Amino acid sequence: MKLLADERDLKFVLYEQLRVQELCKHPKYSEFSEELFDMVIEQAEKLAEKELYPINKIGDREGCRFDNGIVNVPEAFHKAYKLYCEGGWIAISDPPEVGGQGLPFVIANAALEFFSAANWALIMYPGLTHGAARLLQKYGTSDLQDVYMYKMFSGEWGGTMCLTEPGAGSDVGNLRTRATRRPDGAFNIQGQKIFISSGMHDLTDNIVHMVLARIDGAPKGTRGISIFLVPRLRADESGNLVDNDVACSGIEHKMGIHGSATCSLNFGESGTCIGYLMGEENKGMRIMFDMMNEARLFVGMQGLGHANAAYLHALQYARERIQGAPVERMKDANAPRVPIIDHPDVRRMLMFMKSSTEGMRAMLHLAAYCIDRERAAPTEEERELFQGHVDLLIPICKSVGSDLGFRVCETAIQIYGGYGFVSEYPVEQFMRDCKIASLYEGTNGIQALDLIGRKLTLKRGQLFKNALKTSSEMLAKIRMNFRLRDLVQIYEEAQENLVQVTKFFALKSMTDEFHVPVLYAKPYLDLFGDVIMGFMLLWQAYLADRRLQEIYRDHNIKDETARKKLLEENRSAAFYFGKIASAQFFMNQVLTQASGKAKAIMNNDKSALEIPVDGFALS
């Protein structure tokens, strides 16, 4: 049994649900085919299983080592990182002119499923490099691109994003890093950044930082922030690399992702740190947000990767672990012992994990597919439509992927029982490594504020309206299947609850109670995520039911006994039956709670705001 990602379900999402093979009809992707996509996925799986996963526990045990300004990653990471770069995985979806392969982004996202499940701490190094290289590609000068960009896309040099400071985490506008103009057009950079993933390491000879700073005299707050390219080693006028006054003052000791170097960096301690402006002055936040869609989807994929690996490991354990008698013979001391997968409570937990990971997978790859549709759109109208879908999906993908991914990992430990709590089995590491996903790249509370404060208000709510219109077209087809009518009813009630809360927020935002939407932004995001995953799973059930009925007809199934026998013997039939079961479980166990969640939001309870600080607890 494969234990990193569910390849069969991945291909169901790609080819049967999203039909990504039809991207090949677009001129941008015309040189590709479904067969080539399969080849890429196969190679990603091999690299993940043979090279990345075997060193995951080693990296967790050894961690990174800091010694006098030098950071050493786990020794085993070096070979795997080299193989990853040699395979061209960093720039797999980037254009050939920057050294990429030009594949659809959704295929790169599919490959990331395997990599994220296998060794997230290692994958962070090239992942952050790719984000920084993409920023340089879009906003850097040709001279800077010639010196730094190509070596970043190849993985020869690393890259980071440097946002957080001791007094400016989520409150980015409070940053104190300074940029002072130089006569040559560059800037002297001076300041400190903390919690910088991959900020210093020995996987590459050079690291190129993208640093948020305020130019002397710029406005206060986020309106006065610019972004700069600040290499650790700078190319001088002769093309030689010289020290650029970027120093690592230490690394963090963390709950998880021990193999990922989380650094504190000092810029310009000696006054010789030089940075180069990316884009326009005072547009740093806008530029950063332009790159955030990819970064936040990347973090959502972390949650999926950890969750699916935890689920598959727990499933295997449940099938092999013998303990207890069948529920119908619990009081019979002579009853045979059975695998724990036969116990109802274990099956309930497995169904929660299965439906959650399948819903997350569909939602995350939908977002990636919409990115491809935006890039390949033949008209501006279509481009704006799919960009709107991406903008709406991203905060939900990041937040739900990380929160629900952690819950799935937690449930895996519960299935293992006491064994899940010890390091002999991998699920405890999956949970520790997963937790950070809800915190970095903007906490999930920040994602909720982004959703209600930016995405819902864009174009007077048109993004939300477009999403409803798109889903209604598929719902019209699903309603024709009488076998799914009960699930459709549950979904439509949940969607209507979401619509009513959205209207409630819109009304509150125009009154002196505008703080109420802010107070309940995160519960609203969670409800939104439930509805999106419910839609994706209902859509899957519709497709699966059609295939399952075809299989029944092909095997001339006439009665329930024959049907059960077929499901035991035919793996394809069992898979499609499982897809319908996932939708049933999610609708009945999760979406039926939507009305209660909506009521909790709209009851206008302000107790959390009205309680005095000392009312929480007397110090």
Foldseek 3Di string as FASTA:
>chain_A
DDQFFDVVLLCCLDCVNVNVQCLCVFPLNVVDGPVVLVVLLVVLLCLLVPQQQVCQVVQFVPFWDDDPQAIEFRPSLQVSLLVCLVVLLLQQCPDVVLPYVNHFLLSSLSSLLSNLLRHVLSVVFSLQLSLVLVLCVVFNDPVCCVLPNSCSSSVQETEWEFQADPVPDVQSLPDAWEWEADPVGWTAIWDKGFQIWPPHYDSHPKYKYWYKHFYPPADGGLQRIFIWTWICWDQDPVRDTDGQQKTWPDFDDALASSSITTTMITGCPVRRTIIHTGHDGSCHVVSVVVSLLSVLLSLLSSLLRLLSSLLSVLVVQQQPDWDAAQPVCRVPPPGGTHRNCNPVVSVLLSLLSVLLSSLLSSLSSLLSSLVSCLVSPPDPVSNVLSVLLSQQSRLLSQQSSLVVSLVSLVSSLVSVPPVSVDVVDPSVNSNSHSNCSCPPSAHSLRSLCCNLVPSCPPPHRVSVVSVVVVLVVLLVVLCVDPVCVVLSVLLVVLVVLLVVLSVLQVVCCVDPNNCLCSVCSNLSSVSVSLSSSLSSLSSLLSSLVVVLVVVCVVVVPDDDVVVVVCCVPPVSNVVSVSSNVSSVSSSVPPSNCSNVSSCVSNVPDPCVVPQDPCNVDND
